[in-house]
Amino acid sequence: MNLKNVALFAGFFFATLAIFTQGVLPMLEPQSRQVKVTKVVRTDLGELKWMEHEATNYTESELIGRQVYI
């Protein structure tokens, strides 16, 4: 096996690994399909409190920005 074939195989392997870990695995994660989200807010007394909210859809400007990003 020469160096050119090793480099070609390594490039194909790591590109496939990147697609799998960044594209396929997040879709399989059940937490990525939840509609409830949690956030931490600081009360007037300075304490941290966990709050649960429903996820909202993107606004029109956020959708445009997301399309530009993609």
Protein backbone atom coordinates (compact mmCIF):
# COMPACT_ATOMS: atom_id res chain seq x y z
CA MET A 1 0.00 0.00 0.00
CA ASN A 2 1.55 3.29 -1.01
CA LEU A 3 1.23 6.64 0.74
CA LYS A 4 -1.34 7.98 -1.74
CA ASN A 5 -3.78 5.15 -0.98
CA VAL A 6 -3.31 5.54 2.78
CA ALA A 7 -4.01 9.27 2.56
CA LEU A 8 -7.09 8.65 0.39
CA PHE A 9 -8.44 6.03 2.80
CA ALA A 10 -7.76 8.25 5.84
CA GLY A 11 -9.52 11.22 4.22
CA PHE A 12 -12.56 9.13 3.33
CA PHE A 13 -12.64 7.57 6.81
CA PHE A 14 -12.46 10.87 8.70
CA ALA A 15 -15.00 12.58 6.42
CA THR A 16 -17.42 9.69 7.01
CA LEU A 17 -16.74 9.82 10.74
CA ALA A 18 -17.44 13.58 10.83
CA ILE A 19 -20.72 13.18 8.95
CA PHE A 20 -21.79 10.39 11.30
CA THR A 21 -20.89 12.17 14.55
CA GLN A 22 -22.22 15.60 13.56
CA GLY A 23 -25.17 14.63 11.40
CA VAL A 24 -26.52 11.18 12.21
CA LEU A 25 -25.91 10.85 15.95
CA PRO A 26 -27.68 14.11 16.91
CA MET A 27 -30.79 12.98 15.01
CA LEU A 28 -30.82 9.71 16.94
CA GLU A 29 -30.59 11.48 20.30
CA PRO A 30 -34.08 11.67 21.85
CA GLN A 31 -33.26 14.94 23.65
CA SER A 32 -32.91 16.72 20.30
CA ARG A 33 -36.62 16.15 19.57
CA GLN A 34 -38.04 17.54 22.82
CA VAL A 35 -40.37 20.53 22.90
CA LYS A 36 -39.63 21.43 26.53
CA VAL A 37 -36.45 23.35 27.26
CA THR A 38 -34.89 24.38 30.57
CA LYS A 39 -33.02 27.51 31.47
CA VAL A 40 -31.45 28.97 34.57
CA VAL A 41 -32.50 32.42 35.75
CA ARG A 42 -31.23 34.49 38.64
CA THR A 43 -33.89 35.65 41.09
CA ASP A 44 -33.99 39.08 42.74
CA LEU A 45 -32.22 37.56 45.75
CA GLY A 46 -29.37 36.32 43.57
CA GLU A 47 -30.34 32.65 43.71
CA LEU A 48 -30.32 30.45 40.63
CA LYS A 49 -33.61 28.84 39.66
CA TRP A 50 -34.29 26.26 36.95
CA MET A 51 -37.31 27.03 34.79
CA GLU A 52 -38.98 24.89 32.14
CA HIS A 53 -40.55 26.40 29.03
CA GLU A 54 -42.03 25.24 25.75
CA ALA A 55 -39.71 25.62 22.77
CA THR A 56 -40.79 28.32 20.34
CA ASN A 57 -40.45 28.54 16.58
CA TYR A 58 -37.88 30.81 14.96
CA THR A 59 -38.86 34.38 14.15
CA GLU A 60 -38.72 35.53 10.54
CA SER A 61 -35.32 37.20 10.95
CA GLU A 62 -33.93 34.15 12.76
CA LEU A 63 -35.07 31.91 9.89
CA ILE A 64 -33.30 34.17 7.38
CA GLY A 65 -30.12 34.11 9.50
CA ARG A 66 -30.33 30.35 9.83
CA GLN A 67 -30.63 29.95 6.05
CA VAL A 68 -27.61 32.22 5.57
CA TYR A 69 -25.65 30.17 8.10
CA ILE A 70 -26.58 26.86 6.49
